[in-house]
N, C-alpha and C. Protein backbone atom coordinates (compact mmCIF):
# COMPACT_ATOMS: atom_id res chain seq x y z
N MET A 1 99.38 -240.97 -50.26
CA MET A 1 98.98 -241.98 -49.38
C MET A 1 97.96 -242.69 -49.87
N LYS A 2 98.16 -243.85 -50.42
CA LYS A 2 97.20 -244.79 -50.83
C LYS A 2 96.77 -245.71 -49.94
N ILE A 3 95.32 -245.92 -49.78
CA ILE A 3 95.03 -246.93 -48.97
C ILE A 3 94.47 -248.18 -49.70
N ASN A 4 94.82 -249.22 -49.46
CA ASN A 4 94.23 -250.48 -50.21
C ASN A 4 93.20 -251.06 -49.25
N PHE A 5 92.01 -250.97 -49.95
CA PHE A 5 90.84 -251.33 -49.28
C PHE A 5 90.68 -252.63 -49.01
N ASN A 6 91.38 -253.61 -49.76
CA ASN A 6 91.37 -255.00 -49.44
C ASN A 6 92.15 -255.39 -48.24
N LYS A 7 93.29 -254.71 -48.01
CA LYS A 7 94.09 -255.02 -46.97
C LYS A 7 93.59 -254.58 -45.48
N LEU A 8 92.51 -253.78 -45.41
CA LEU A 8 91.98 -253.38 -44.31
C LEU A 8 91.17 -254.37 -43.66
N GLY A 9 91.10 -254.32 -42.33
CA GLY A 9 90.28 -255.37 -41.69
C GLY A 9 88.80 -255.12 -41.98
N LYS A 10 87.94 -256.37 -41.40
CA LYS A 10 86.66 -256.14 -41.67
C LYS A 10 85.99 -255.04 -41.04
N ARG A 11 86.40 -254.74 -39.95
CA ARG A 11 85.69 -253.55 -38.93
C ARG A 11 86.18 -252.28 -39.58
N GLU A 12 87.20 -252.16 -40.20
CA GLU A 12 87.61 -250.81 -40.77
C GLU A 12 87.08 -250.57 -42.16
N ARG A 13 86.78 -251.57 -42.75
CA ARG A 13 85.95 -251.45 -44.03
C ARG A 13 84.71 -251.22 -43.90
N ILE A 14 83.91 -251.76 -42.77
CA ILE A 14 82.73 -251.37 -42.35
C ILE A 14 82.50 -249.77 -42.10
N LEU A 15 83.48 -249.40 -41.32
CA LEU A 15 83.53 -248.05 -40.75
C LEU A 15 83.59 -247.01 -42.06
N ILE A 16 84.62 -247.45 -42.97
CA ILE A 16 84.88 -246.59 -44.16
C ILE A 16 83.59 -246.62 -44.89
N SER A 17 83.04 -247.78 -45.23
CA SER A 17 81.82 -247.93 -46.07
C SER A 17 80.74 -247.05 -45.35
N ALA A 18 80.39 -247.13 -44.03
CA ALA A 18 79.34 -246.35 -43.43
C ALA A 18 79.68 -244.93 -43.36
N ALA A 19 81.08 -244.41 -43.35
CA ALA A 19 81.18 -242.97 -43.52
C ALA A 19 81.04 -242.64 -44.98
N GLY A 20 81.35 -243.30 -45.90
CA GLY A 20 81.10 -242.97 -47.23
C GLY A 20 79.54 -243.00 -47.57
N ILE A 21 79.07 -244.07 -46.95
CA ILE A 21 77.47 -243.84 -47.17
C ILE A 21 76.79 -242.62 -46.57
N VAL A 22 77.05 -242.32 -45.38
CA VAL A 22 76.69 -241.18 -44.62
C VAL A 22 77.08 -239.87 -45.50
N LEU A 23 78.42 -239.74 -45.87
CA LEU A 23 78.71 -238.81 -46.70
C LEU A 23 77.91 -238.73 -47.92
N PHE A 24 77.68 -239.68 -48.64
CA PHE A 24 76.87 -239.60 -49.91
C PHE A 24 75.51 -239.29 -49.53
N LEU A 25 74.88 -239.78 -48.36
CA LEU A 25 73.54 -239.36 -48.04
C LEU A 25 73.42 -238.01 -47.66
N PHE A 26 74.44 -237.45 -46.84
CA PHE A 26 74.53 -235.91 -46.67
C PHE A 26 74.43 -234.99 -47.78
N ILE A 27 75.26 -235.48 -48.77
CA ILE A 27 75.49 -234.82 -50.12
C ILE A 27 74.27 -234.85 -50.76
N ILE A 28 73.59 -235.94 -50.98
CA ILE A 28 72.40 -236.03 -51.62
C ILE A 28 71.22 -235.17 -50.83
N GLU A 29 71.13 -235.15 -49.51
CA GLU A 29 69.94 -234.43 -48.75
C GLU A 29 70.51 -233.08 -48.67
N HIS A 30 71.63 -232.50 -48.77
CA HIS A 30 72.10 -231.28 -48.73
C HIS A 30 71.91 -230.53 -50.25
N PHE A 31 72.32 -231.24 -51.09
CA PHE A 31 72.20 -230.69 -52.58
C PHE A 31 71.00 -230.97 -53.30
N MET A 32 70.31 -231.94 -53.03
CA MET A 32 69.11 -232.45 -53.82
C MET A 32 67.83 -232.46 -52.96
N LEU A 33 67.76 -232.91 -51.90
CA LEU A 33 66.45 -233.19 -51.27
C LEU A 33 66.10 -231.95 -50.57
N SER A 34 66.86 -231.29 -49.79
CA SER A 34 66.67 -230.09 -49.19
C SER A 34 66.14 -228.87 -50.02
N PRO A 35 66.73 -228.65 -51.27
CA PRO A 35 66.32 -227.51 -52.12
C PRO A 35 64.92 -227.90 -52.53
N PHE A 36 64.84 -229.34 -52.93
CA PHE A 36 63.43 -229.62 -53.49
C PHE A 36 62.32 -229.44 -52.56
N PHE A 37 62.43 -229.78 -51.22
CA PHE A 37 61.54 -229.75 -50.25
C PHE A 37 61.35 -228.18 -50.01
N ASP A 38 62.37 -227.37 -49.96
CA ASP A 38 62.16 -225.90 -49.69
C ASP A 38 61.27 -225.34 -50.82
N LYS A 39 61.65 -225.79 -51.85
CA LYS A 39 60.77 -225.29 -53.21
C LYS A 39 59.38 -225.82 -53.05
N LEU A 40 59.14 -226.96 -52.61
CA LEU A 40 57.90 -227.54 -52.58
C LEU A 40 57.04 -226.73 -51.46
N ASP A 41 57.94 -226.45 -50.27
CA ASP A 41 57.12 -225.54 -49.23
C ASP A 41 56.77 -224.22 -49.75
N SER A 42 57.79 -223.52 -50.50
CA SER A 42 57.54 -222.23 -50.97
C SER A 42 56.20 -222.42 -52.07
N LEU A 43 56.28 -223.33 -52.89
CA LEU A 43 55.24 -223.54 -53.67
C LEU A 43 53.71 -223.64 -53.03
N THR A 44 53.84 -224.43 -51.94
CA THR A 44 52.64 -224.82 -51.26
C THR A 44 52.11 -223.44 -50.59
N ILE A 45 53.01 -222.57 -50.11
CA ILE A 45 52.71 -221.31 -49.55
C ILE A 45 51.99 -220.29 -50.67
N GLN A 46 52.66 -220.37 -51.89
CA GLN A 46 51.99 -219.55 -52.97
C GLN A 46 50.75 -220.25 -53.43
N ILE A 47 50.52 -221.31 -53.52
CA ILE A 47 49.29 -222.06 -53.91
C ILE A 47 48.14 -221.42 -52.88
N ASN A 48 48.51 -221.54 -51.59
CA ASN A 48 47.42 -221.32 -50.51
C ASN A 48 47.22 -219.91 -50.64
N ALA A 49 48.10 -218.95 -50.88
CA ALA A 49 47.77 -217.51 -51.04
C ALA A 49 46.99 -217.27 -52.36
N GLU A 50 47.29 -218.03 -53.40
CA GLU A 50 46.42 -217.95 -54.55
C GLU A 50 44.99 -218.38 -54.49
N GLN A 51 44.96 -219.45 -53.70
CA GLN A 51 43.64 -219.88 -53.48
C GLN A 51 42.73 -218.92 -52.44
N GLU A 52 43.42 -218.34 -51.56
CA GLU A 52 42.65 -217.27 -50.91
C GLU A 52 42.21 -216.07 -51.56
N LYS A 53 43.16 -215.79 -52.57
CA LYS A 53 42.78 -214.52 -53.66
C LYS A 53 41.59 -215.15 -54.39
N LEU A 54 41.56 -216.21 -54.85
CA LEU A 54 40.58 -216.65 -55.75
C LEU A 54 39.13 -216.85 -54.93
N GLN A 55 39.49 -217.31 -53.60
CA GLN A 55 38.12 -217.26 -52.85
C GLN A 55 37.51 -215.85 -52.82
N ARG A 56 38.53 -214.97 -52.49
CA ARG A 56 38.14 -213.53 -52.30
C ARG A 56 37.32 -213.06 -53.70
N ALA A 57 37.95 -213.36 -54.70
CA ALA A 57 37.58 -212.84 -56.01
C ALA A 57 36.02 -213.67 -56.27
N ARG A 58 36.06 -215.02 -55.94
CA ARG A 58 34.73 -215.56 -56.14
C ARG A 58 33.64 -214.88 -55.14
N TYR A 59 33.87 -214.50 -53.90
CA TYR A 59 33.02 -213.89 -53.16
C TYR A 59 32.63 -212.54 -53.65
N MET A 60 33.66 -211.78 -54.02
CA MET A 60 33.33 -210.40 -54.81
C MET A 60 32.37 -210.71 -55.98
N ASP A 61 32.53 -211.83 -56.77
CA ASP A 61 31.89 -211.89 -57.88
C ASP A 61 30.36 -212.26 -57.51
N SER A 62 30.28 -213.03 -56.57
CA SER A 62 28.95 -213.42 -55.83
C SER A 62 28.24 -212.04 -55.48
N GLN A 63 28.89 -211.10 -54.93
CA GLN A 63 28.56 -209.96 -54.59
C GLN A 63 28.18 -208.66 -55.29
N LYS A 64 28.71 -209.09 -56.56
CA LYS A 64 28.76 -207.94 -57.69
C LYS A 64 27.31 -207.20 -57.72
N GLU A 65 26.34 -207.65 -57.73
CA GLU A 65 25.03 -207.13 -57.96
C GLU A 65 24.98 -206.14 -56.70
N TYR A 66 25.09 -206.53 -55.40
CA TYR A 66 25.02 -205.72 -54.35
C TYR A 66 26.11 -204.94 -54.27
N ILE A 67 27.30 -204.97 -54.75
CA ILE A 67 28.31 -204.00 -54.82
C ILE A 67 27.90 -202.76 -55.85
N ASP A 68 27.49 -203.25 -57.11
CA ASP A 68 27.15 -202.17 -57.95
C ASP A 68 25.93 -201.35 -57.53
N GLU A 69 24.89 -202.09 -56.87
CA GLU A 69 23.90 -201.12 -56.32
C GLU A 69 24.23 -200.23 -55.21
N ALA A 70 25.12 -200.77 -54.37
CA ALA A 70 25.75 -199.67 -53.38
C ALA A 70 26.48 -198.72 -53.98
N PHE A 71 27.42 -198.94 -54.88
CA PHE A 71 28.07 -197.80 -55.65
C PHE A 71 27.09 -196.86 -56.27
N GLU A 72 26.23 -197.44 -57.09
CA GLU A 72 25.26 -196.27 -57.82
C GLU A 72 24.55 -195.39 -56.68
N LYS A 73 24.45 -195.81 -55.37
CA LYS A 73 24.08 -194.93 -54.48
C LYS A 73 24.93 -193.96 -54.08
N ILE A 74 26.30 -194.28 -54.03
CA ILE A 74 27.24 -193.22 -53.53
C ILE A 74 27.87 -192.47 -54.70
N LYS A 75 27.71 -192.83 -55.95
CA LYS A 75 28.42 -192.69 -57.20
C LYS A 75 28.32 -190.83 -57.14
N PRO A 76 27.21 -190.29 -57.07
CA PRO A 76 27.19 -188.88 -57.12
C PRO A 76 27.96 -188.28 -56.17
N TYR A 77 28.13 -188.73 -54.77
CA TYR A 77 29.01 -188.22 -53.88
C TYR A 77 30.35 -188.21 -54.23
N ILE A 78 30.87 -189.53 -54.88
CA ILE A 78 32.36 -189.44 -55.26
C ILE A 78 32.58 -188.88 -56.30
N GLU A 79 31.68 -188.66 -57.42
CA GLU A 79 31.89 -187.60 -58.42
C GLU A 79 32.08 -186.23 -57.97
N ALA A 80 31.17 -185.76 -56.98
CA ALA A 80 31.30 -184.46 -56.51
C ALA A 80 32.56 -184.16 -55.88
N SER A 81 33.05 -185.35 -55.18
CA SER A 81 34.33 -184.97 -54.36
C SER A 81 35.44 -185.11 -55.19
N GLU A 82 35.41 -185.73 -56.54
CA GLU A 82 36.65 -185.73 -57.38
C GLU A 82 36.67 -184.62 -58.25
N SER A 83 35.31 -184.13 -58.66
CA SER A 83 35.44 -183.00 -59.69
C SER A 83 35.72 -181.57 -59.04
N GLY A 84 35.51 -181.43 -57.74
CA GLY A 84 35.73 -179.98 -57.00
C GLY A 84 34.95 -179.19 -57.55
N GLU A 85 35.62 -178.06 -57.93
CA GLU A 85 34.90 -176.72 -58.39
C GLU A 85 33.90 -176.87 -59.36
N THR A 86 34.01 -177.84 -60.28
CA THR A 86 32.95 -178.13 -61.15
C THR A 86 31.69 -178.64 -60.57
N SER A 87 31.96 -179.24 -59.57
CA SER A 87 30.74 -179.86 -58.63
C SER A 87 30.18 -179.01 -57.76
N LEU A 88 30.44 -177.75 -57.75
CA LEU A 88 29.94 -176.79 -56.71
C LEU A 88 28.40 -176.50 -57.15
N PRO A 89 28.07 -176.26 -58.36
CA PRO A 89 26.54 -176.17 -58.64
C PRO A 89 25.66 -177.26 -58.24
N SER A 90 26.30 -178.50 -58.46
CA SER A 90 25.52 -179.67 -57.88
C SER A 90 25.43 -179.75 -56.34
N ILE A 91 26.46 -179.25 -55.70
CA ILE A 91 26.55 -179.11 -54.32
C ILE A 91 25.32 -178.06 -53.93
N MET A 92 25.35 -177.00 -54.50
CA MET A 92 24.53 -176.00 -54.18
C MET A 92 22.78 -176.49 -54.48
N LYS A 93 22.86 -177.03 -55.52
CA LYS A 93 21.48 -177.70 -55.78
C LYS A 93 21.10 -178.61 -54.71
N LYS A 94 21.97 -179.44 -54.10
CA LYS A 94 21.57 -180.43 -53.25
C LYS A 94 21.23 -179.51 -51.86
N ILE A 95 21.94 -178.60 -51.67
CA ILE A 95 21.58 -177.83 -50.34
C ILE A 95 20.36 -177.13 -50.46
N GLU A 96 20.10 -176.75 -51.65
CA GLU A 96 18.63 -176.05 -52.10
C GLU A 96 17.47 -177.21 -51.88
N GLU A 97 17.61 -178.37 -52.28
CA GLU A 97 16.82 -179.50 -52.09
C GLU A 97 16.52 -179.73 -50.61
N MET A 98 17.71 -179.92 -49.91
CA MET A 98 17.53 -180.28 -48.47
C MET A 98 16.70 -178.99 -47.74
N ALA A 99 16.93 -177.82 -48.09
CA ALA A 99 16.26 -176.79 -47.52
C ALA A 99 14.69 -176.77 -47.69
N ASN A 100 14.39 -177.22 -49.08
CA ASN A 100 13.01 -177.22 -49.57
C ASN A 100 12.27 -178.30 -48.70
N GLU A 101 12.97 -179.59 -48.59
CA GLU A 101 12.72 -180.63 -47.84
C GLU A 101 12.37 -180.23 -46.31
N SER A 102 13.27 -179.47 -45.83
CA SER A 102 13.14 -179.19 -44.43
C SER A 102 11.90 -177.98 -44.23
N GLY A 103 11.60 -177.32 -45.37
CA GLY A 103 10.70 -176.20 -45.24
C GLY A 103 11.29 -174.85 -44.76
N VAL A 104 12.33 -174.85 -45.17
CA VAL A 104 13.22 -173.57 -45.00
C VAL A 104 13.44 -172.79 -46.21
N ASN A 105 13.40 -171.48 -46.06
CA ASN A 105 13.61 -170.72 -47.33
C ASN A 105 15.05 -170.16 -47.23
N LEU A 106 15.79 -170.38 -48.54
CA LEU A 106 17.19 -169.91 -48.68
C LEU A 106 17.17 -168.53 -49.30
N ASP A 107 17.52 -167.53 -48.49
CA ASP A 107 17.54 -166.30 -48.86
C ASP A 107 18.79 -165.87 -49.77
N LYS A 108 19.91 -166.57 -49.33
CA LYS A 108 21.11 -166.26 -49.89
C LYS A 108 21.95 -167.46 -49.69
N MET A 109 22.52 -167.75 -51.10
CA MET A 109 23.72 -168.77 -51.04
C MET A 109 24.89 -168.14 -51.85
N LYS A 110 26.02 -168.07 -51.12
CA LYS A 110 27.04 -167.46 -51.83
C LYS A 110 28.58 -168.38 -51.55
N PRO A 111 29.15 -168.72 -52.79
CA PRO A 111 30.35 -169.27 -52.76
C PRO A 111 31.43 -168.34 -52.51
N GLU A 112 32.60 -168.59 -51.65
CA GLU A 112 33.69 -167.64 -51.36
C GLU A 112 34.92 -168.31 -52.02
N ALA A 113 35.99 -167.62 -51.75
CA ALA A 113 37.35 -168.12 -52.14
C ALA A 113 37.70 -169.37 -51.80
N THR A 114 38.45 -170.12 -52.66
CA THR A 114 38.82 -171.50 -52.22
C THR A 114 40.22 -171.43 -51.47
N GLU A 115 40.38 -172.35 -50.64
CA GLU A 115 41.40 -172.39 -49.47
C GLU A 115 42.10 -173.62 -50.02
N THR A 116 43.45 -173.84 -50.33
CA THR A 116 44.17 -174.83 -50.58
C THR A 116 45.08 -175.48 -49.39
N LYS A 117 45.02 -176.83 -49.14
CA LYS A 117 45.67 -177.22 -48.17
C LYS A 117 46.67 -178.29 -48.52
N ASP A 118 47.76 -178.56 -47.68
CA ASP A 118 48.63 -179.83 -47.97
C ASP A 118 49.15 -179.81 -49.34
N LYS A 119 49.73 -178.87 -49.89
CA LYS A 119 50.23 -178.82 -51.15
C LYS A 119 49.28 -179.26 -52.48
N ASP A 120 48.22 -178.65 -52.28
CA ASP A 120 47.13 -178.99 -53.31
C ASP A 120 46.58 -180.24 -53.32
N MET A 121 46.72 -181.17 -52.09
CA MET A 121 45.94 -182.46 -51.98
C MET A 121 44.48 -182.14 -51.77
N TYR A 122 44.02 -181.24 -51.28
CA TYR A 122 42.52 -181.02 -51.04
C TYR A 122 42.30 -179.53 -51.15
N ASN A 123 41.14 -179.07 -51.54
CA ASN A 123 40.74 -177.65 -51.52
C ASN A 123 39.34 -177.61 -50.67
N ILE A 124 39.06 -176.50 -50.11
CA ILE A 124 37.89 -176.22 -49.15
C ILE A 124 37.31 -174.91 -49.97
N LYS A 125 36.10 -174.99 -50.04
CA LYS A 125 35.19 -174.04 -50.67
C LYS A 125 34.09 -173.67 -49.54
N LYS A 126 34.15 -172.38 -49.37
CA LYS A 126 33.27 -171.85 -48.30
C LYS A 126 31.84 -171.41 -49.00
N LEU A 127 30.91 -171.85 -48.38
CA LEU A 127 29.51 -171.18 -48.73
C LEU A 127 28.90 -170.59 -47.57
N THR A 128 28.44 -169.46 -48.01
CA THR A 128 27.78 -168.63 -46.89
C THR A 128 26.04 -168.56 -47.20
N LEU A 129 25.37 -169.11 -46.25
CA LEU A 129 23.88 -169.43 -46.40
C LEU A 129 22.98 -168.50 -45.49
N SER A 130 21.92 -167.99 -45.95
CA SER A 130 21.08 -167.21 -45.07
C SER A 130 19.69 -167.83 -45.38
N THR A 131 19.06 -168.27 -44.29
CA THR A 131 17.73 -168.89 -44.14
C THR A 131 16.54 -168.20 -43.39
N VAL A 132 15.54 -168.57 -43.76
CA VAL A 132 14.41 -168.14 -42.91
C VAL A 132 13.37 -169.15 -42.81
N GLY A 133 12.95 -169.49 -41.64
CA GLY A 133 11.88 -170.63 -41.51
C GLY A 133 11.68 -170.78 -39.95
N SER A 134 10.79 -171.67 -39.49
CA SER A 134 10.50 -171.89 -38.17
C SER A 134 11.78 -172.62 -37.50
N THR A 135 11.84 -172.52 -36.37
CA THR A 135 12.85 -172.96 -35.31
C THR A 135 13.02 -174.63 -35.76
N GLU A 136 11.82 -175.26 -35.59
CA GLU A 136 12.08 -176.63 -36.04
C GLU A 136 12.58 -176.95 -37.43
N ASN A 137 12.24 -176.27 -38.31
CA ASN A 137 12.53 -176.38 -39.72
C ASN A 137 14.06 -176.24 -39.80
N ILE A 138 14.39 -175.10 -39.30
CA ILE A 138 16.08 -174.67 -39.45
C ILE A 138 16.74 -175.84 -38.59
N VAL A 139 16.30 -176.51 -37.56
CA VAL A 139 17.11 -177.44 -36.91
C VAL A 139 16.91 -178.85 -37.79
N LYS A 140 15.95 -179.05 -38.57
CA LYS A 140 15.99 -180.02 -39.47
C LYS A 140 16.88 -179.94 -40.51
N PHE A 141 17.00 -178.70 -41.04
CA PHE A 141 17.82 -178.26 -42.26
C PHE A 141 19.26 -178.45 -41.76
N LEU A 142 19.61 -177.89 -40.51
CA LEU A 142 20.83 -178.08 -39.95
C LEU A 142 21.33 -179.52 -39.89
N TYR A 143 20.43 -180.37 -39.32
CA TYR A 143 20.66 -181.94 -39.18
C TYR A 143 21.04 -182.40 -40.46
N LYS A 144 20.14 -182.12 -41.44
CA LYS A 144 20.38 -182.59 -42.94
C LYS A 144 21.62 -182.15 -43.55
N LEU A 145 22.11 -181.09 -43.10
CA LEU A 145 23.29 -180.62 -43.63
C LEU A 145 24.45 -181.28 -43.12
N GLU A 146 24.45 -181.49 -41.75
CA GLU A 146 25.53 -182.17 -40.97
C GLU A 146 25.62 -183.52 -41.41
N ASN A 147 24.54 -184.18 -41.81
CA ASN A 147 24.48 -185.68 -41.87
C ASN A 147 24.40 -186.24 -43.36
N CYS A 148 24.41 -185.12 -44.18
CA CYS A 148 24.39 -185.74 -45.72
C CYS A 148 25.70 -186.31 -45.93
N ALA A 149 25.79 -187.15 -47.25
CA ALA A 149 26.94 -187.87 -47.56
C ALA A 149 28.07 -187.04 -48.19
N TYR A 150 27.74 -185.80 -48.68
CA TYR A 150 28.69 -184.90 -49.27
C TYR A 150 29.71 -184.40 -48.08
N PRO A 151 30.88 -184.19 -48.41
CA PRO A 151 31.86 -183.54 -47.51
C PRO A 151 31.74 -182.22 -47.06
N LEU A 152 30.39 -181.83 -46.41
CA LEU A 152 29.85 -180.63 -45.93
C LEU A 152 30.15 -180.50 -44.50
N ARG A 153 30.61 -179.35 -43.85
CA ARG A 153 30.44 -179.13 -42.47
C ARG A 153 30.10 -177.69 -42.12
N VAL A 154 29.19 -177.46 -41.27
CA VAL A 154 28.77 -176.24 -40.75
C VAL A 154 29.60 -175.82 -39.71
N VAL A 155 30.18 -174.65 -39.82
CA VAL A 155 31.32 -174.22 -38.86
C VAL A 155 30.82 -173.07 -38.01
N LYS A 156 29.91 -172.25 -38.58
CA LYS A 156 29.43 -171.05 -37.85
C LYS A 156 27.97 -170.78 -38.16
N MET A 157 27.28 -170.57 -36.95
CA MET A 157 25.87 -170.29 -37.09
C MET A 157 25.54 -168.91 -36.33
N ASP A 158 24.68 -168.47 -37.02
CA ASP A 158 23.96 -167.07 -36.38
C ASP A 158 22.46 -167.15 -36.37
N PHE A 159 21.60 -167.11 -35.26
CA PHE A 159 20.36 -167.15 -35.43
C PHE A 159 19.84 -165.86 -34.89
N LYS A 160 18.72 -165.35 -35.67
CA LYS A 160 18.07 -164.13 -35.33
C LYS A 160 16.40 -164.32 -35.25
N VAL A 161 15.83 -163.86 -34.34
CA VAL A 161 14.27 -163.98 -34.35
C VAL A 161 13.71 -162.90 -35.19
N LYS A 162 12.86 -163.52 -36.18
CA LYS A 162 12.35 -162.60 -37.19
C LYS A 162 10.99 -161.97 -36.72
N ASP A 163 9.92 -163.15 -36.35
CA ASP A 163 8.65 -162.75 -35.90
C ASP A 163 8.29 -163.96 -34.72
N ARG A 164 8.23 -163.33 -33.52
CA ARG A 164 7.93 -164.28 -32.07
C ARG A 164 6.70 -164.94 -32.35
N ASP A 165 5.69 -163.98 -32.97
CA ASP A 165 4.24 -164.74 -32.99
C ASP A 165 4.16 -165.72 -34.04
N LYS A 166 4.92 -165.63 -35.11
CA LYS A 166 4.75 -166.82 -36.22
C LYS A 166 5.85 -167.74 -35.85
N ASN A 167 6.72 -167.76 -35.01
CA ASN A 167 7.79 -168.78 -34.60
C ASN A 167 8.80 -168.64 -35.87
N LEU A 168 9.04 -167.59 -36.38
CA LEU A 168 9.90 -167.33 -37.57
C LEU A 168 11.24 -166.73 -37.04
N MET A 169 12.23 -167.36 -37.74
CA MET A 169 13.62 -166.87 -37.37
C MET A 169 14.53 -166.96 -38.49
N GLY A 170 15.62 -166.22 -38.54
CA GLY A 170 16.61 -166.28 -39.54
C GLY A 170 17.86 -166.91 -39.06
N ALA A 171 18.49 -167.66 -39.88
CA ALA A 171 19.82 -168.19 -39.66
C ALA A 171 20.75 -168.11 -40.73
N ASP A 172 21.97 -167.65 -40.35
CA ASP A 172 23.05 -167.49 -41.16
C ASP A 172 24.06 -168.68 -40.78
N PHE A 173 24.64 -169.28 -41.83
CA PHE A 173 25.54 -170.41 -41.79
C PHE A 173 26.83 -170.25 -42.51
N ASP A 174 27.95 -170.63 -42.13
CA ASP A 174 29.11 -170.66 -42.83
C ASP A 174 29.41 -172.15 -43.06
N LEU A 175 29.36 -172.51 -44.24
CA LEU A 175 29.50 -174.20 -44.66
C LEU A 175 30.65 -174.30 -45.36
N TYR A 176 31.24 -175.37 -45.26
CA TYR A 176 32.67 -175.59 -46.14
C TYR A 176 32.38 -177.10 -46.71
N PHE A 177 32.81 -176.88 -47.96
CA PHE A 177 32.70 -178.06 -48.79
C PHE A 177 34.29 -178.45 -49.10
N MET A 178 34.60 -179.72 -48.76
CA MET A 178 35.89 -180.13 -49.16
C MET A 178 35.99 -181.07 -50.38
N TYR A 179 36.95 -180.70 -51.31
CA TYR A 179 37.15 -181.57 -52.43
C TYR A 179 38.63 -181.97 -52.77
N PHE A 180 38.83 -183.07 -53.44
CA PHE A 180 40.38 -183.37 -53.79
C PHE A 180 40.70 -182.90 -55.11
N GLY A 181 41.90 -182.73 -55.12
CA GLY A 181 42.33 -182.24 -56.40
C GLY A 181 43.02 -180.77 -56.59
N LYS A 182 43.36 -180.54 -57.72
CA LYS A 182 43.89 -179.02 -57.91
C LYS A 182 42.53 -178.09 -58.01
N LYS A 183 43.00 -176.75 -57.79
CA LYS A 183 41.78 -175.76 -57.94
C LYS A 183 41.21 -175.73 -59.38
């Protein structure tokens, strides 16, 4: 079926030409312009995301000194948590320092067996402490233990009056130190 374009009427030629132009524009839009604009939108989103990353990186760079200073303050605690059993002496030393600062005498500090939890994700080391001091000083020491940055928790306390006249008492604590990693 062959159509002779010249034999068609003016109105039919205009309709066929218009249909051809619409079909041509549809093909151009569908196969050329639409993918181009989709790609352009995708690139704009990626550029915005990268600009946000760059702004965050610039902010972090501007705060580098502050971050380094803050990290230096918490570095011993991070190292203690990461190194586990090897950090136990430093934890015991820190407990000793807290006792001295509080005016409490440590009679005994004894580490006990390690307990492993959740398929070796973290370990718990138990320390048994025996102290002697005034009621006020023992409470200060307990407060320092509970609020220090090391992962220490007091779980058991036993208080005994040693000398009522001198306000002297003894306290026994079960203290747990948690660290991550293998035994």
